[in-house]
Amino acid sequence: MKTTTPSRAFPSTGHRLPGRWAVLPAAVLAGAVLGGGYGALKTPEYAATSYVIVVPAGKSDPAGALGFAQAYGRVATDIAVTGDAQVWAGVTAATLRKKVTAETSPDAPMISITARAERPSQAVSMADGVARALILDSSHVAASTGVKVVQFSRATKPVDPVSPSAPLSALVGGCAGGLLGGLGLLVRPKRPAARGESRRSRRAGTSVPAPAAAAHQPETV
């Protein structure tokens, strides 16, 4: 007697969910979109730098000028706030503290004063205003310190902004998104086998027995 074996049912490949590694390109794309949007919407900033140098006054030791340069560099914004720098720059004291930084050289008694602002002319005014405040303050205490601060180079008007552009922000955002996505995949525990997968494996490994042949029955006379 002819027997038939039912075909095995296999899961459709068209309905499989994306793998866990699909999170990585999605994180890169999201980071690039957010970074590009931030770079496009953020107001560009310009930076201007003014340089001053500390020189010995009278017959004082020239080696002491380097130490005083380090000290003046640490308190540059404080001196500017207590002085007239905010009047010369046309900004508030809080803006000077936030937008102005001073750096010193370990080899020379020079101080660089950098100001950041949304307008190039304002950045120049802020940098030169802080430098002028340092020069004025040092002249008041030159008799006790033995040094004074003089202007070495005034700030020049910047042409290009220093804030990142939209393409650069998108690149940085994409890299950050990829890094966070990769870290998320590493720390995320692997999920156990889905219940549906175990069912499919059982169906694939179990064969349906063929129907038994009918017993021979004698013909009735």
N, C-alpha and C. Protein backbone atom coordinates (compact mmCIF):
# COMPACT_ATOMS: atom_id res chain seq x y z
N MET A 1 0.84 -1.19 0.00
CA MET A 1 0.00 0.00 0.00
C MET A 1 0.88 1.24 0.00
N LYS A 2 0.54 2.26 -0.76
CA LYS A 2 1.37 3.47 -0.88
C LYS A 2 1.24 4.33 0.37
N THR A 3 2.35 4.68 0.88
CA THR A 3 2.36 5.55 2.08
C THR A 3 2.94 6.90 1.72
N THR A 4 2.49 7.93 2.43
CA THR A 4 2.98 9.31 2.21
C THR A 4 3.52 9.86 3.51
N THR A 5 4.61 10.56 3.39
CA THR A 5 5.23 11.19 4.56
C THR A 5 5.02 12.69 4.49
N PRO A 6 4.35 13.26 5.47
CA PRO A 6 4.10 14.71 5.40
C PRO A 6 5.40 15.49 5.42
N SER A 7 5.42 16.58 4.67
CA SER A 7 6.62 17.41 4.60
C SER A 7 6.82 18.15 5.91
N ARG A 8 8.09 18.40 6.24
CA ARG A 8 8.42 19.10 7.47
C ARG A 8 8.19 20.61 7.29
N ALA A 9 7.75 21.22 8.35
CA ALA A 9 7.48 22.67 8.31
C ALA A 9 8.71 23.43 8.80
N PHE A 10 9.24 24.27 7.97
CA PHE A 10 10.42 25.08 8.33
C PHE A 10 10.00 26.53 8.48
N PRO A 11 10.60 27.24 9.38
CA PRO A 11 10.23 28.64 9.58
C PRO A 11 10.58 29.48 8.37
N SER A 12 9.78 30.47 8.09
CA SER A 12 10.01 31.37 6.96
C SER A 12 11.14 32.32 7.30
N THR A 13 12.11 32.43 6.38
CA THR A 13 13.25 33.32 6.62
C THR A 13 12.89 34.78 6.46
N GLY A 14 11.79 35.09 5.83
CA GLY A 14 11.41 36.48 5.60
C GLY A 14 10.91 37.19 6.83
N HIS A 15 10.57 36.41 7.92
CA HIS A 15 10.00 37.01 9.11
C HIS A 15 10.99 36.99 10.28
N ARG A 16 12.23 36.73 10.03
CA ARG A 16 13.22 36.73 11.11
C ARG A 16 13.52 38.15 11.55
N LEU A 17 13.66 38.32 12.85
CA LEU A 17 14.00 39.63 13.40
C LEU A 17 15.46 39.95 13.16
N PRO A 18 15.84 41.21 13.03
CA PRO A 18 17.25 41.55 12.85
C PRO A 18 18.09 41.14 14.05
N GLY A 19 19.33 40.80 13.82
CA GLY A 19 20.21 40.38 14.88
C GLY A 19 20.55 41.51 15.83
N ARG A 20 21.16 41.14 16.96
CA ARG A 20 21.50 42.14 17.98
C ARG A 20 22.57 43.10 17.49
N TRP A 21 23.34 42.73 16.46
CA TRP A 21 24.37 43.64 15.94
C TRP A 21 23.80 44.75 15.08
N ALA A 22 22.50 44.68 14.80
CA ALA A 22 21.87 45.78 14.07
C ALA A 22 21.81 47.05 14.91
N VAL A 23 22.03 46.91 16.22
CA VAL A 23 22.02 48.08 17.10
C VAL A 23 23.20 49.00 16.78
N LEU A 24 24.32 48.45 16.35
CA LEU A 24 25.52 49.24 16.11
C LEU A 24 25.35 50.26 14.98
N PRO A 25 24.93 49.87 13.78
CA PRO A 25 24.73 50.89 12.74
C PRO A 25 23.63 51.88 13.09
N ALA A 26 22.61 51.42 13.83
CA ALA A 26 21.56 52.35 14.25
C ALA A 26 22.11 53.40 15.21
N ALA A 27 23.01 52.99 16.11
CA ALA A 27 23.61 53.95 17.05
C ALA A 27 24.51 54.93 16.32
N VAL A 28 25.26 54.46 15.31
CA VAL A 28 26.11 55.35 14.52
C VAL A 28 25.27 56.39 13.79
N LEU A 29 24.18 55.94 13.18
CA LEU A 29 23.31 56.85 12.45
C LEU A 29 22.67 57.88 13.37
N ALA A 30 22.21 57.44 14.53
CA ALA A 30 21.58 58.37 15.47
C ALA A 30 22.59 59.39 15.97
N GLY A 31 23.82 58.94 16.27
CA GLY A 31 24.84 59.88 16.73
C GLY A 31 25.22 60.89 15.66
N ALA A 32 25.30 60.46 14.40
CA ALA A 32 25.63 61.38 13.32
C ALA A 32 24.53 62.41 13.11
N VAL A 33 23.28 61.99 13.22
CA VAL A 33 22.16 62.93 13.05
C VAL A 33 22.15 63.95 14.18
N LEU A 34 22.32 63.49 15.41
CA LEU A 34 22.32 64.42 16.55
C LEU A 34 23.52 65.36 16.49
N GLY A 35 24.70 64.83 16.16
CA GLY A 35 25.88 65.69 16.07
C GLY A 35 25.78 66.71 14.97
N GLY A 36 25.29 66.29 13.80
CA GLY A 36 25.13 67.24 12.70
C GLY A 36 24.10 68.32 13.01
N GLY A 37 23.02 67.93 13.68
CA GLY A 37 22.03 68.93 14.07
C GLY A 37 22.56 69.92 15.07
N TYR A 38 23.37 69.43 16.00
CA TYR A 38 23.96 70.34 16.99
C TYR A 38 24.92 71.33 16.33
N GLY A 39 25.75 70.82 15.40
CA GLY A 39 26.68 71.71 14.73
C GLY A 39 26.00 72.73 13.84
N ALA A 40 24.85 72.36 13.27
CA ALA A 40 24.15 73.29 12.39
C ALA A 40 23.38 74.35 13.17
N LEU A 41 22.88 74.00 14.35
CA LEU A 41 22.07 74.94 15.13
C LEU A 41 22.88 75.79 16.09
N LYS A 42 24.06 75.32 16.51
CA LYS A 42 24.85 76.06 17.49
C LYS A 42 25.47 77.30 16.86
N THR A 43 25.43 78.39 17.59
CA THR A 43 26.03 79.64 17.11
C THR A 43 27.55 79.51 17.09
N PRO A 44 28.23 79.85 15.99
CA PRO A 44 29.69 79.71 15.93
C PRO A 44 30.38 80.66 16.90
N GLU A 45 31.53 80.23 17.39
CA GLU A 45 32.33 81.03 18.31
C GLU A 45 33.68 81.36 17.68
N TYR A 46 34.19 82.55 18.01
CA TYR A 46 35.48 83.00 17.52
C TYR A 46 36.42 83.19 18.71
N ALA A 47 37.70 82.96 18.47
CA ALA A 47 38.70 83.07 19.53
C ALA A 47 39.77 84.08 19.13
N ALA A 48 40.16 84.90 20.10
CA ALA A 48 41.23 85.88 19.90
C ALA A 48 42.19 85.77 21.09
N THR A 49 43.48 85.92 20.81
CA THR A 49 44.50 85.73 21.84
C THR A 49 45.40 86.96 21.92
N SER A 50 45.60 87.43 23.13
CA SER A 50 46.51 88.54 23.41
C SER A 50 47.66 88.02 24.27
N TYR A 51 48.87 88.53 24.01
CA TYR A 51 50.06 88.06 24.73
C TYR A 51 50.67 89.19 25.55
N VAL A 52 51.02 88.86 26.80
CA VAL A 52 51.75 89.79 27.66
C VAL A 52 52.97 89.06 28.19
N ILE A 53 53.95 89.83 28.63
CA ILE A 53 55.19 89.26 29.14
C ILE A 53 55.56 89.96 30.45
N VAL A 54 56.08 89.19 31.37
CA VAL A 54 56.49 89.71 32.67
C VAL A 54 57.98 90.00 32.62
N VAL A 55 58.36 91.23 32.96
CA VAL A 55 59.77 91.65 32.91
C VAL A 55 60.18 92.17 34.28
N PRO A 56 61.43 92.03 34.63
CA PRO A 56 61.89 92.56 35.91
C PRO A 56 61.90 94.09 35.89
N ALA A 57 61.53 94.66 37.01
CA ALA A 57 61.51 96.11 37.16
C ALA A 57 62.72 96.55 37.97
N GLY A 58 63.49 97.49 37.44
CA GLY A 58 64.67 97.99 38.15
C GLY A 58 65.78 96.95 38.17
N LYS A 59 66.32 96.68 39.36
CA LYS A 59 67.44 95.77 39.51
C LYS A 59 67.02 94.43 40.11
N SER A 60 65.78 94.07 39.93
CA SER A 60 65.30 92.80 40.48
C SER A 60 65.86 91.62 39.69
N ASP A 61 65.77 90.44 40.29
CA ASP A 61 66.31 89.23 39.68
C ASP A 61 65.47 88.83 38.47
N PRO A 62 66.09 88.68 37.30
CA PRO A 62 65.30 88.28 36.11
C PRO A 62 64.65 86.91 36.27
N ALA A 63 65.26 86.03 37.08
CA ALA A 63 64.68 84.69 37.24
C ALA A 63 63.34 84.73 37.96
N GLY A 64 63.10 85.76 38.75
CA GLY A 64 61.83 85.86 39.45
C GLY A 64 60.67 86.18 38.53
N ALA A 65 60.95 86.71 37.34
CA ALA A 65 59.86 87.04 36.42
C ALA A 65 59.09 85.80 35.98
N LEU A 66 59.79 84.66 35.87
CA LEU A 66 59.11 83.43 35.44
C LEU A 66 58.11 82.98 36.50
N GLY A 67 58.50 83.07 37.76
CA GLY A 67 57.57 82.68 38.82
C GLY A 67 56.36 83.59 38.90
N PHE A 68 56.59 84.91 38.74
CA PHE A 68 55.47 85.84 38.78
C PHE A 68 54.56 85.66 37.55
N ALA A 69 55.13 85.24 36.44
CA ALA A 69 54.30 84.98 35.27
C ALA A 69 53.33 83.82 35.54
N GLN A 70 53.82 82.78 36.21
CA GLN A 70 52.94 81.67 36.57
C GLN A 70 51.84 82.13 37.52
N ALA A 71 52.20 83.01 38.45
CA ALA A 71 51.20 83.50 39.40
C ALA A 71 50.16 84.39 38.72
N TYR A 72 50.61 85.28 37.87
CA TYR A 72 49.67 86.15 37.16
C TYR A 72 48.76 85.33 36.23
N GLY A 73 49.28 84.28 35.65
CA GLY A 73 48.46 83.45 34.78
C GLY A 73 47.33 82.76 35.53
N ARG A 74 47.56 82.39 36.80
CA ARG A 74 46.53 81.71 37.58
C ARG A 74 45.41 82.66 38.00
N VAL A 75 45.74 83.93 38.21
CA VAL A 75 44.73 84.88 38.72
C VAL A 75 44.34 85.91 37.67
N ALA A 76 44.59 85.62 36.42
CA ALA A 76 44.32 86.61 35.36
C ALA A 76 42.86 87.01 35.32
N THR A 77 41.95 86.03 35.35
CA THR A 77 40.53 86.37 35.27
C THR A 77 40.05 87.08 36.54
N ASP A 78 40.62 86.75 37.70
CA ASP A 78 40.23 87.43 38.93
C ASP A 78 40.65 88.90 38.90
N ILE A 79 41.87 89.15 38.42
CA ILE A 79 42.33 90.53 38.32
C ILE A 79 41.49 91.30 37.31
N ALA A 80 41.11 90.63 36.21
CA ALA A 80 40.31 91.29 35.19
C ALA A 80 38.92 91.66 35.73
N VAL A 81 38.36 90.76 36.55
CA VAL A 81 37.02 91.01 37.08
C VAL A 81 37.05 92.15 38.09
N THR A 82 38.06 92.17 38.96
CA THR A 82 38.14 93.24 39.96
C THR A 82 38.58 94.57 39.34
N GLY A 83 39.21 94.50 38.17
CA GLY A 83 39.64 95.73 37.51
C GLY A 83 38.57 96.25 36.56
N ASP A 84 39.04 96.90 35.50
CA ASP A 84 38.13 97.52 34.54
C ASP A 84 37.99 96.73 33.25
N ALA A 85 38.41 95.48 33.25
CA ALA A 85 38.36 94.69 32.01
C ALA A 85 36.94 94.51 31.51
N GLN A 86 36.00 94.33 32.42
CA GLN A 86 34.61 94.14 31.97
C GLN A 86 34.04 95.41 31.35
N VAL A 87 34.55 96.57 31.77
CA VAL A 87 34.10 97.83 31.17
C VAL A 87 34.72 97.99 29.78
N TRP A 88 36.00 97.66 29.66
CA TRP A 88 36.67 97.79 28.36
C TRP A 88 36.13 96.77 27.35
N ALA A 89 35.81 95.57 27.84
CA ALA A 89 35.33 94.52 26.94
C ALA A 89 33.84 94.63 26.67
N GLY A 90 33.11 95.32 27.52
CA GLY A 90 31.68 95.45 27.33
C GLY A 90 30.89 94.20 27.64
N VAL A 91 31.39 93.38 28.58
CA VAL A 91 30.70 92.15 28.99
C VAL A 91 30.64 92.11 30.50
N THR A 92 29.91 91.13 31.03
CA THR A 92 29.78 90.99 32.46
C THR A 92 30.97 90.23 33.05
N ALA A 93 31.08 90.29 34.37
CA ALA A 93 32.15 89.56 35.04
C ALA A 93 32.00 88.06 34.86
N ALA A 94 30.76 87.56 34.87
CA ALA A 94 30.54 86.13 34.68
C ALA A 94 30.99 85.67 33.30
N THR A 95 30.79 86.51 32.30
CA THR A 95 31.23 86.17 30.94
C THR A 95 32.75 86.09 30.86
N LEU A 96 33.44 87.01 31.54
CA LEU A 96 34.90 86.98 31.54
C LEU A 96 35.42 85.70 32.19
N ARG A 97 34.82 85.31 33.29
CA ARG A 97 35.26 84.09 33.97
C ARG A 97 35.02 82.85 33.12
N LYS A 98 33.94 82.87 32.35
CA LYS A 98 33.56 81.69 31.58
C LYS A 98 34.26 81.61 30.24
N LYS A 99 34.49 82.75 29.60
CA LYS A 99 34.96 82.77 28.22
C LYS A 99 36.43 83.12 28.06
N VAL A 100 37.13 83.45 29.13
CA VAL A 100 38.53 83.86 29.02
C VAL A 100 39.39 82.86 29.76
N THR A 101 40.47 82.41 29.11
CA THR A 101 41.43 81.50 29.73
C THR A 101 42.83 82.08 29.56
N ALA A 102 43.69 81.79 30.53
CA ALA A 102 45.08 82.26 30.50
C ALA A 102 46.00 81.06 30.63
N GLU A 103 47.02 81.03 29.79
CA GLU A 103 48.01 79.96 29.81
C GLU A 103 49.41 80.55 29.89
N THR A 104 50.26 79.87 30.62
CA THR A 104 51.64 80.33 30.80
C THR A 104 52.60 79.32 30.20
N SER A 105 53.79 79.80 29.88
CA SER A 105 54.84 78.94 29.33
C SER A 105 55.79 78.53 30.45
N PRO A 106 56.22 77.26 30.48
CA PRO A 106 57.17 76.84 31.52
C PRO A 106 58.58 77.35 31.29
N ASP A 107 58.87 77.85 30.09
CA ASP A 107 60.23 78.26 29.76
C ASP A 107 60.41 79.77 29.67
N ALA A 108 59.32 80.50 29.49
CA ALA A 108 59.41 81.95 29.30
C ALA A 108 58.33 82.63 30.13
N PRO A 109 58.60 83.84 30.63
CA PRO A 109 57.61 84.55 31.45
C PRO A 109 56.53 85.22 30.59
N MET A 110 55.87 84.42 29.78
CA MET A 110 54.85 84.95 28.86
C MET A 110 53.50 84.35 29.21
N ILE A 111 52.46 85.15 29.05
CA ILE A 111 51.09 84.73 29.34
C ILE A 111 50.25 84.96 28.08
N SER A 112 49.55 83.93 27.66
CA SER A 112 48.62 84.06 26.53
C SER A 112 47.20 84.11 27.09
N ILE A 113 46.45 85.10 26.67
CA ILE A 113 45.08 85.32 27.15
C ILE A 113 44.15 85.12 25.96
N THR A 114 43.33 84.09 26.02
CA THR A 114 42.43 83.74 24.92
C THR A 114 40.99 83.96 25.34
N ALA A 115 40.24 84.65 24.50
CA ALA A 115 38.82 84.92 24.75
C ALA A 115 38.00 84.34 23.61
N ARG A 116 36.85 83.79 23.94
CA ARG A 116 35.93 83.22 22.95
C ARG A 116 34.61 83.99 23.02
N ALA A 117 34.08 84.32 21.86
CA ALA A 117 32.83 85.08 21.78
C ALA A 117 32.13 84.77 20.47
N GLU A 118 30.87 85.14 20.40
CA GLU A 118 30.09 84.90 19.19
C GLU A 118 30.44 85.88 18.08
N ARG A 119 31.03 87.02 18.44
CA ARG A 119 31.44 88.02 17.44
C ARG A 119 32.96 88.19 17.50
N PRO A 120 33.64 88.25 16.37
CA PRO A 120 35.10 88.39 16.39
C PRO A 120 35.57 89.64 17.12
N SER A 121 34.89 90.75 16.92
CA SER A 121 35.31 91.99 17.57
C SER A 121 35.18 91.90 19.09
N GLN A 122 34.17 91.21 19.55
CA GLN A 122 34.00 91.06 20.99
C GLN A 122 35.09 90.18 21.60
N ALA A 123 35.50 89.15 20.87
CA ALA A 123 36.59 88.30 21.35
C ALA A 123 37.88 89.10 21.48
N VAL A 124 38.15 89.98 20.52
CA VAL A 124 39.35 90.83 20.60
C VAL A 124 39.26 91.77 21.79
N SER A 125 38.12 92.38 22.00
CA SER A 125 37.96 93.32 23.12
C SER A 125 38.14 92.62 24.46
N MET A 126 37.63 91.41 24.59
CA MET A 126 37.75 90.68 25.84
C MET A 126 39.20 90.30 26.12
N ALA A 127 39.91 89.79 25.11
CA ALA A 127 41.31 89.39 25.31
C ALA A 127 42.19 90.59 25.64
N ASP A 128 42.04 91.67 24.89
CA ASP A 128 42.85 92.86 25.15
C ASP A 128 42.46 93.53 26.47
N GLY A 129 41.18 93.42 26.85
CA GLY A 129 40.75 94.00 28.11
C GLY A 129 41.37 93.31 29.31
N VAL A 130 41.44 91.99 29.28
CA VAL A 130 42.08 91.26 30.37
C VAL A 130 43.58 91.54 30.40
N ALA A 131 44.21 91.60 29.23
CA ALA A 131 45.64 91.92 29.19
C ALA A 131 45.91 93.32 29.75
N ARG A 132 45.06 94.26 29.43
CA ARG A 132 45.22 95.62 29.94
C ARG A 132 45.04 95.66 31.45
N ALA A 133 44.11 94.86 31.97
CA ALA A 133 43.92 94.80 33.42
C ALA A 133 45.15 94.24 34.12
N LEU A 134 45.79 93.24 33.54
CA LEU A 134 47.01 92.68 34.12
C LEU A 134 48.13 93.71 34.12
N ILE A 135 48.26 94.44 33.02
CA ILE A 135 49.32 95.46 32.92
C ILE A 135 49.10 96.55 33.97
N LEU A 136 47.87 96.98 34.12
CA LEU A 136 47.57 98.05 35.08
C LEU A 136 47.78 97.58 36.51
N ASP A 137 47.36 96.37 36.82
CA ASP A 137 47.52 95.85 38.18
C ASP A 137 48.98 95.66 38.53
N SER A 138 49.78 95.18 37.57
CA SER A 138 51.20 94.97 37.86
C SER A 138 51.94 96.27 38.10
N SER A 139 51.50 97.33 37.46
CA SER A 139 52.16 98.62 37.67
C SER A 139 51.91 99.17 39.07
N HIS A 140 50.78 98.81 39.67
CA HIS A 140 50.47 99.28 41.02
C HIS A 140 51.31 98.59 42.08
N VAL A 141 51.71 97.35 41.82
CA VAL A 141 52.44 96.58 42.83
C VAL A 141 53.88 96.30 42.39
N ALA A 142 54.37 97.02 41.40
CA ALA A 142 55.72 96.75 40.89
C ALA A 142 56.78 97.02 41.94
N ALA A 143 56.53 97.97 42.84
CA ALA A 143 57.52 98.28 43.87
C ALA A 143 57.72 97.12 44.83
N SER A 144 56.67 96.35 45.07
CA SER A 144 56.77 95.22 46.01
C SER A 144 57.12 93.90 45.32
N THR A 145 56.68 93.73 44.11
CA THR A 145 56.97 92.48 43.41
C THR A 145 58.28 92.51 42.65
N GLY A 146 58.71 93.66 42.21
CA GLY A 146 59.94 93.77 41.44
C GLY A 146 59.78 93.40 39.98
N VAL A 147 58.56 93.20 39.53
CA VAL A 147 58.30 92.87 38.12
C VAL A 147 57.09 93.68 37.66
N LYS A 148 56.92 93.73 36.35
CA LYS A 148 55.75 94.37 35.77
C LYS A 148 55.37 93.63 34.50
N VAL A 149 54.11 93.77 34.13
CA VAL A 149 53.58 93.11 32.94
C VAL A 149 53.48 94.15 31.83
N VAL A 150 53.99 93.79 30.66
CA VAL A 150 53.94 94.68 29.50
C VAL A 150 53.29 93.92 28.35
N GLN A 151 52.73 94.70 27.43
CA GLN A 151 52.08 94.10 26.26
C GLN A 151 53.13 93.56 25.29
N PHE A 152 52.95 92.31 24.88
CA PHE A 152 53.85 91.71 23.91
C PHE A 152 53.22 91.68 22.52
N SER A 153 51.94 91.32 22.44
CA SER A 153 51.23 91.29 21.16
C SER A 153 49.74 91.42 21.43
N ARG A 154 49.12 92.37 20.74
CA ARG A 154 47.68 92.54 20.88
C ARG A 154 46.93 91.48 20.07
N ALA A 155 45.69 91.27 20.45
CA ALA A 155 44.87 90.26 19.77
C ALA A 155 44.51 90.73 18.37
N THR A 156 44.47 89.80 17.45
CA THR A 156 44.05 90.08 16.08
C THR A 156 42.64 89.55 15.86
N LYS A 157 41.92 90.19 14.97
CA LYS A 157 40.53 89.82 14.72
C LYS A 157 40.48 88.47 14.01
N PRO A 158 39.81 87.48 14.59
CA PRO A 158 39.75 86.16 13.94
C PRO A 158 38.86 86.20 12.71
N VAL A 159 39.18 85.32 11.76
CA VAL A 159 38.41 85.23 10.51
C VAL A 159 37.49 84.02 10.53
N ASP A 160 38.01 82.89 10.95
CA ASP A 160 37.24 81.64 10.95
C ASP A 160 36.84 81.28 12.37
N PRO A 161 35.66 80.70 12.54
CA PRO A 161 35.25 80.27 13.88
C PRO A 161 36.04 79.06 14.35
N VAL A 162 36.12 78.92 15.66
CA VAL A 162 36.82 77.78 16.24
C VAL A 162 35.86 76.67 16.64
N SER A 163 34.58 76.93 16.64
CA SER A 163 33.60 75.90 16.97
C SER A 163 33.48 74.92 15.81
N PRO A 164 33.21 73.64 16.08
CA PRO A 164 33.14 72.64 15.01
C PRO A 164 31.99 72.89 14.06
N SER A 165 32.21 72.60 12.77
CA SER A 165 31.18 72.75 11.76
C SER A 165 30.20 71.58 11.83
N ALA A 166 29.13 71.67 11.04
CA ALA A 166 28.11 70.62 11.04
C ALA A 166 28.67 69.27 10.56
N PRO A 167 29.46 69.20 9.46
CA PRO A 167 30.01 67.89 9.07
C PRO A 167 30.93 67.29 10.13
N LEU A 168 31.76 68.14 10.75
CA LEU A 168 32.64 67.62 11.78
C LEU A 168 31.86 67.15 13.00
N SER A 169 30.82 67.89 13.36
CA SER A 169 29.98 67.47 14.48
C SER A 169 29.28 66.16 14.17
N ALA A 170 28.84 65.99 12.91
CA ALA A 170 28.20 64.73 12.53
C ALA A 170 29.18 63.56 12.62
N LEU A 171 30.43 63.79 12.20
CA LEU A 171 31.44 62.74 12.28
C LEU A 171 31.73 62.36 13.72
N VAL A 172 31.89 63.37 14.57
CA VAL A 172 32.15 63.10 15.99
C VAL A 172 30.95 62.40 16.63
N GLY A 173 29.74 62.86 16.28
CA GLY A 173 28.56 62.22 16.83
C GLY A 173 28.41 60.78 16.38
N GLY A 174 28.74 60.51 15.10
CA GLY A 174 28.68 59.13 14.62
C GLY A 174 29.67 58.23 15.33
N CYS A 175 30.88 58.73 15.55
CA CYS A 175 31.88 57.94 16.29
C CYS A 175 31.44 57.68 17.72
N ALA A 176 30.89 58.72 18.36
CA ALA A 176 30.42 58.54 19.73
C ALA A 176 29.26 57.57 19.79
N GLY A 177 28.34 57.66 18.82
CA GLY A 177 27.22 56.72 18.79
C GLY A 177 27.68 55.29 18.57
N GLY A 178 28.65 55.10 17.66
CA GLY A 178 29.18 53.76 17.45
C GLY A 178 29.87 53.21 18.67
N LEU A 179 30.60 54.08 19.39
CA LEU A 179 31.28 53.63 20.60
C LEU A 179 30.28 53.22 21.67
N LEU A 180 29.24 54.05 21.86
CA LEU A 180 28.24 53.71 22.86
C LEU A 180 27.45 52.46 22.47
N GLY A 181 27.14 52.34 21.18
CA GLY A 181 26.45 51.14 20.73
C GLY A 181 27.28 49.88 20.93
N GLY A 182 28.58 49.97 20.62
CA GLY A 182 29.45 48.81 20.83
C GLY A 182 29.57 48.43 22.30
N LEU A 183 29.69 49.45 23.16
CA LEU A 183 29.76 49.17 24.60
C LEU A 183 28.46 48.54 25.09
N GLY A 184 27.33 49.04 24.53
CA GLY A 184 26.06 48.45 24.93
C GLY A 184 25.94 46.99 24.54
N LEU A 185 26.47 46.63 23.38
CA LEU A 185 26.44 45.23 22.96
C LEU A 185 27.34 44.36 23.82
N LEU A 186 28.46 44.93 24.29
CA LEU A 186 29.39 44.14 25.09
C LEU A 186 28.85 43.88 26.49
N VAL A 187 28.18 44.87 27.07
CA VAL A 187 27.71 44.70 28.44
C VAL A 187 26.33 44.07 28.50
N ARG A 188 25.63 44.01 27.37
CA ARG A 188 24.29 43.44 27.36
C ARG A 188 24.37 41.92 27.40
N PRO A 189 23.71 41.26 28.37
CA PRO A 189 23.76 39.79 28.41
C PRO A 189 23.03 39.16 27.23
N LYS A 190 23.54 38.03 26.81
CA LYS A 190 22.90 37.33 25.70
C LYS A 190 21.57 36.75 26.15
N ARG A 191 20.57 36.93 25.32
CA ARG A 191 19.26 36.39 25.65
C ARG A 191 19.23 34.88 25.40
N PRO A 192 18.51 34.13 26.25
CA PRO A 192 18.39 32.69 25.99
C PRO A 192 17.63 32.44 24.70
N ALA A 193 17.71 31.22 24.24
CA ALA A 193 17.02 30.87 22.98
C ALA A 193 15.54 31.15 23.10
N ALA A 194 15.01 31.76 22.09
CA ALA A 194 13.59 32.10 22.11
C ALA A 194 12.75 30.84 22.14
N ARG A 195 11.53 31.02 22.72
CA ARG A 195 10.64 29.86 22.82
C ARG A 195 10.23 29.37 21.44
N GLY A 196 10.08 30.32 20.52
CA GLY A 196 9.68 29.92 19.18
C GLY A 196 10.76 29.12 18.48
N GLU A 197 12.03 29.47 18.72
CA GLU A 197 13.12 28.74 18.09
C GLU A 197 13.17 27.31 18.59
N SER A 198 12.93 27.12 19.91
CA SER A 198 12.95 25.76 20.44
C SER A 198 11.81 24.93 19.87
N ARG A 199 10.67 25.59 19.65
CA ARG A 199 9.57 24.85 19.05
C ARG A 199 9.90 24.42 17.63
N ARG A 200 10.52 25.35 16.86
CA ARG A 200 10.86 25.00 15.49
C ARG A 200 11.89 23.87 15.43
N SER A 201 12.83 23.88 16.39
CA SER A 201 13.83 22.82 16.38
C SER A 201 13.21 21.47 16.71
N ARG A 202 12.21 21.49 17.61
CA ARG A 202 11.56 20.22 17.92
C ARG A 202 10.77 19.70 16.73
N ARG A 203 10.11 20.66 16.03
CA ARG A 203 9.36 20.21 14.85
C ARG A 203 10.29 19.68 13.76
N ALA A 204 11.44 20.31 13.62
CA ALA A 204 12.37 19.88 12.57
C ALA A 204 12.99 18.54 12.89
N GLY A 205 13.17 18.23 14.17
CA GLY A 205 13.84 16.98 14.53
C GLY A 205 12.90 15.81 14.72
N THR A 206 11.59 16.06 14.71
CA THR A 206 10.62 14.97 14.94
C THR A 206 9.96 14.61 13.62
N SER A 207 10.01 13.37 13.27
CA SER A 207 9.38 12.91 12.03
C SER A 207 8.01 12.32 12.34
N VAL A 208 7.08 12.58 11.47
CA VAL A 208 5.72 12.07 11.63
C VAL A 208 5.67 10.65 11.06
N PRO A 209 5.28 9.65 11.85
CA PRO A 209 5.25 8.27 11.33
C PRO A 209 4.21 8.10 10.24
N ALA A 210 4.54 7.24 9.29
CA ALA A 210 3.61 6.97 8.20
C ALA A 210 2.44 6.16 8.71
N PRO A 211 1.28 6.30 8.15
CA PRO A 211 0.12 5.52 8.61
C PRO A 211 0.34 4.02 8.36
N ALA A 212 -0.04 3.26 9.34
CA ALA A 212 0.17 1.81 9.24
C ALA A 212 -0.70 1.22 8.12
N ALA A 213 -0.14 0.20 7.48
CA ALA A 213 -0.89 -0.44 6.40
C ALA A 213 -2.12 -1.16 6.95
N ALA A 214 -3.18 -1.04 6.24
CA ALA A 214 -4.42 -1.69 6.70
C ALA A 214 -4.26 -3.21 6.67
N ALA A 215 -4.76 -3.88 7.68
CA ALA A 215 -4.65 -5.34 7.76
C ALA A 215 -5.48 -5.99 6.63
N HIS A 216 -4.98 -7.09 6.11
CA HIS A 216 -5.66 -7.77 5.01
C HIS A 216 -6.95 -8.43 5.53
N GLN A 217 -8.04 -8.07 4.94
CA GLN A 217 -9.31 -8.64 5.35
C GLN A 217 -9.77 -9.63 4.25
N PRO A 218 -10.16 -10.81 4.65
CA PRO A 218 -10.67 -11.78 3.63
C PRO A 218 -11.97 -11.29 3.02
N GLU A 219 -12.09 -11.55 1.76
CA GLU A 219 -13.30 -11.15 1.05
C GLU A 219 -14.47 -12.02 1.51
N THR A 220 -15.61 -11.38 1.60
CA THR A 220 -16.82 -12.09 2.01
C THR A 220 -17.47 -12.72 0.79
N VAL A 221 -17.75 -14.02 0.95
CA VAL A 221 -18.32 -14.74 -0.17
C VAL A 221 -19.80 -14.45 -0.23
